[in-house]
N, C-alpha and C. Protein backbone atom coordinates (compact mmCIF):
# COMPACT_ATOMS: atom_id res chain seq x y z
N MET A 1 1.88 -13.83 -9.29
CA MET A 1 1.51 -13.39 -7.97
C MET A 1 1.84 -11.91 -7.85
N ILE A 2 1.00 -11.19 -7.15
CA ILE A 2 1.21 -9.76 -6.92
C ILE A 2 1.87 -9.57 -5.56
N ILE A 3 2.97 -8.85 -5.54
CA ILE A 3 3.70 -8.53 -4.32
C ILE A 3 3.38 -7.08 -3.95
N VAL A 4 3.04 -6.86 -2.69
CA VAL A 4 2.74 -5.51 -2.21
C VAL A 4 3.96 -4.98 -1.47
N ASN A 5 4.52 -3.88 -1.97
CA ASN A 5 5.72 -3.27 -1.40
C ASN A 5 5.40 -2.01 -0.61
N LEU A 6 4.25 -1.98 0.03
CA LEU A 6 3.84 -0.80 0.78
C LEU A 6 4.79 -0.52 1.93
N ASP A 7 5.27 -1.55 2.58
CA ASP A 7 6.21 -1.36 3.69
C ASP A 7 7.51 -0.71 3.23
N VAL A 8 7.94 -1.03 2.01
CA VAL A 8 9.15 -0.43 1.45
C VAL A 8 8.94 1.08 1.24
N MET A 9 7.78 1.42 0.65
CA MET A 9 7.50 2.84 0.41
C MET A 9 7.33 3.61 1.71
N LEU A 10 6.72 2.98 2.71
CA LEU A 10 6.59 3.65 4.01
C LEU A 10 7.96 3.90 4.62
N ALA A 11 8.85 2.94 4.51
CA ALA A 11 10.21 3.10 5.05
C ALA A 11 10.95 4.21 4.31
N LYS A 12 10.81 4.26 2.99
CA LYS A 12 11.48 5.31 2.21
C LYS A 12 10.98 6.70 2.60
N ARG A 13 9.70 6.78 2.95
CA ARG A 13 9.11 8.08 3.32
C ARG A 13 9.19 8.34 4.82
N LYS A 14 9.81 7.38 5.54
CA LYS A 14 9.93 7.49 7.01
C LYS A 14 8.58 7.74 7.65
N MET A 15 7.62 6.91 7.29
CA MET A 15 6.25 7.07 7.74
C MET A 15 5.76 5.76 8.36
N ARG A 16 4.89 5.88 9.34
CA ARG A 16 4.30 4.71 9.96
C ARG A 16 2.96 4.38 9.31
N LEU A 17 2.57 3.13 9.40
CA LEU A 17 1.31 2.67 8.83
C LEU A 17 0.13 3.43 9.41
N ASN A 18 0.16 3.67 10.71
CA ASN A 18 -0.93 4.40 11.37
C ASN A 18 -1.10 5.79 10.80
N ASP A 19 0.01 6.46 10.53
CA ASP A 19 -0.05 7.82 9.98
C ASP A 19 -0.69 7.82 8.60
N LEU A 20 -0.28 6.87 7.76
CA LEU A 20 -0.86 6.78 6.41
C LEU A 20 -2.34 6.47 6.49
N ALA A 21 -2.72 5.55 7.34
CA ALA A 21 -4.14 5.19 7.49
C ALA A 21 -4.97 6.42 7.86
N ASP A 22 -4.48 7.20 8.81
CA ASP A 22 -5.19 8.41 9.22
C ASP A 22 -5.30 9.42 8.08
N LYS A 23 -4.22 9.59 7.33
CA LYS A 23 -4.19 10.61 6.27
C LYS A 23 -5.10 10.26 5.10
N ILE A 24 -5.24 8.97 4.77
CA ILE A 24 -6.04 8.61 3.60
C ILE A 24 -7.44 8.13 3.96
N GLY A 25 -7.75 8.04 5.25
CA GLY A 25 -9.10 7.70 5.67
C GLY A 25 -9.45 6.23 5.52
N ILE A 26 -8.53 5.35 5.84
CA ILE A 26 -8.77 3.91 5.80
C ILE A 26 -8.40 3.36 7.18
N THR A 27 -9.04 2.27 7.55
CA THR A 27 -8.71 1.73 8.88
C THR A 27 -7.31 1.15 8.88
N ASN A 28 -6.70 1.20 10.03
CA ASN A 28 -5.36 0.65 10.20
C ASN A 28 -5.36 -0.85 9.88
N THR A 29 -6.43 -1.54 10.27
CA THR A 29 -6.55 -2.97 10.01
C THR A 29 -6.57 -3.27 8.52
N ASN A 30 -7.37 -2.54 7.76
CA ASN A 30 -7.44 -2.77 6.31
C ASN A 30 -6.12 -2.45 5.62
N LEU A 31 -5.47 -1.40 6.05
CA LEU A 31 -4.18 -1.06 5.46
C LEU A 31 -3.13 -2.11 5.81
N SER A 32 -3.20 -2.65 7.00
CA SER A 32 -2.28 -3.71 7.41
C SER A 32 -2.49 -4.97 6.58
N ILE A 33 -3.75 -5.30 6.30
CA ILE A 33 -4.06 -6.46 5.45
C ILE A 33 -3.47 -6.26 4.07
N LEU A 34 -3.57 -5.07 3.54
CA LEU A 34 -2.98 -4.77 2.24
C LEU A 34 -1.45 -4.88 2.31
N LYS A 35 -0.86 -4.31 3.33
CA LYS A 35 0.60 -4.31 3.47
C LYS A 35 1.18 -5.72 3.54
N THR A 36 0.48 -6.61 4.22
CA THR A 36 0.99 -7.97 4.38
C THR A 36 0.69 -8.87 3.18
N GLY A 37 -0.01 -8.33 2.19
CA GLY A 37 -0.30 -9.10 0.98
C GLY A 37 -1.46 -10.05 1.12
N LYS A 38 -2.26 -9.90 2.17
CA LYS A 38 -3.39 -10.80 2.40
C LYS A 38 -4.68 -10.29 1.76
N ALA A 39 -4.66 -9.08 1.23
CA ALA A 39 -5.85 -8.50 0.62
C ALA A 39 -6.16 -9.21 -0.70
N LYS A 40 -7.43 -9.42 -0.97
CA LYS A 40 -7.86 -10.04 -2.23
C LYS A 40 -8.09 -9.00 -3.32
N ALA A 41 -8.32 -7.76 -2.90
CA ALA A 41 -8.59 -6.68 -3.86
C ALA A 41 -8.24 -5.35 -3.21
N ILE A 42 -8.11 -4.34 -4.06
CA ILE A 42 -7.89 -2.97 -3.58
C ILE A 42 -8.69 -2.04 -4.48
N ARG A 43 -9.37 -1.11 -3.87
CA ARG A 43 -10.12 -0.13 -4.66
C ARG A 43 -9.13 0.83 -5.32
N LEU A 44 -9.46 1.23 -6.52
CA LEU A 44 -8.60 2.17 -7.22
C LEU A 44 -8.54 3.51 -6.48
N SER A 45 -9.62 3.87 -5.83
CA SER A 45 -9.61 5.13 -5.07
C SER A 45 -8.65 5.03 -3.87
N THR A 46 -8.54 3.85 -3.27
CA THR A 46 -7.59 3.64 -2.18
C THR A 46 -6.16 3.69 -2.70
N LEU A 47 -5.92 3.01 -3.81
CA LEU A 47 -4.59 3.03 -4.43
C LEU A 47 -4.22 4.45 -4.83
N ASP A 48 -5.17 5.18 -5.37
CA ASP A 48 -4.94 6.57 -5.74
C ASP A 48 -4.55 7.41 -4.52
N ALA A 49 -5.27 7.24 -3.42
CA ALA A 49 -4.98 8.01 -2.20
C ALA A 49 -3.60 7.66 -1.64
N ILE A 50 -3.25 6.38 -1.66
CA ILE A 50 -1.93 5.96 -1.18
C ILE A 50 -0.84 6.59 -2.03
N CYS A 51 -0.99 6.49 -3.34
CA CYS A 51 0.02 7.03 -4.26
C CYS A 51 0.12 8.55 -4.13
N LYS A 52 -1.00 9.20 -3.98
CA LYS A 52 -1.00 10.66 -3.86
C LYS A 52 -0.27 11.08 -2.58
N TYR A 53 -0.58 10.41 -1.48
CA TYR A 53 0.02 10.80 -0.21
C TYR A 53 1.51 10.43 -0.14
N LEU A 54 1.88 9.27 -0.70
CA LEU A 54 3.29 8.84 -0.67
C LEU A 54 4.10 9.39 -1.83
N ASP A 55 3.43 10.13 -2.75
CA ASP A 55 4.08 10.70 -3.92
C ASP A 55 4.83 9.62 -4.70
N CYS A 56 4.07 8.60 -5.12
CA CYS A 56 4.65 7.49 -5.87
C CYS A 56 3.65 7.02 -6.92
N SER A 57 4.01 6.01 -7.67
CA SER A 57 3.10 5.45 -8.66
C SER A 57 2.68 4.04 -8.20
N PRO A 58 1.60 3.50 -8.77
CA PRO A 58 1.16 2.15 -8.39
C PRO A 58 2.27 1.10 -8.55
N GLY A 59 3.13 1.27 -9.54
CA GLY A 59 4.22 0.33 -9.76
C GLY A 59 5.27 0.34 -8.65
N ASP A 60 5.29 1.41 -7.85
CA ASP A 60 6.19 1.45 -6.71
C ASP A 60 5.66 0.60 -5.55
N ILE A 61 4.35 0.38 -5.56
CA ILE A 61 3.70 -0.35 -4.47
C ILE A 61 3.39 -1.79 -4.86
N LEU A 62 2.96 -2.00 -6.10
CA LEU A 62 2.57 -3.32 -6.56
C LEU A 62 3.58 -3.87 -7.56
N GLU A 63 3.91 -5.14 -7.41
CA GLU A 63 4.90 -5.78 -8.28
C GLU A 63 4.38 -7.15 -8.68
N TYR A 64 4.58 -7.53 -9.93
CA TYR A 64 4.16 -8.86 -10.40
C TYR A 64 5.36 -9.80 -10.47
N GLN A 65 5.19 -11.00 -9.91
CA GLN A 65 6.20 -12.05 -10.02
C GLN A 65 5.50 -13.34 -10.44
N GLU A 66 6.09 -14.04 -11.38
CA GLU A 66 5.50 -15.31 -11.79
C GLU A 66 5.61 -16.33 -10.68
N ASN A 67 4.58 -17.18 -10.58
CA ASN A 67 4.63 -18.28 -9.61
C ASN A 67 5.64 -19.30 -10.07
N GLU A 68 6.33 -19.88 -9.10
CA GLU A 68 7.34 -20.88 -9.45
C GLU A 68 6.78 -22.27 -9.40
């Protein structure tokens, strides 16, 4: 299972979800779906924009855990 740690990175950067959504040009709703782990897919261009703006790597946002 893929765990999305976007909320952790936002907290580390002291940033709100709305601010990130505005800066990378994605709707707040879509970013919220990603943050809560309900997204089925993410475009690489979106991941690139998130990483560029938060100054992090994809591994800081996405984590793999085996299902139990």
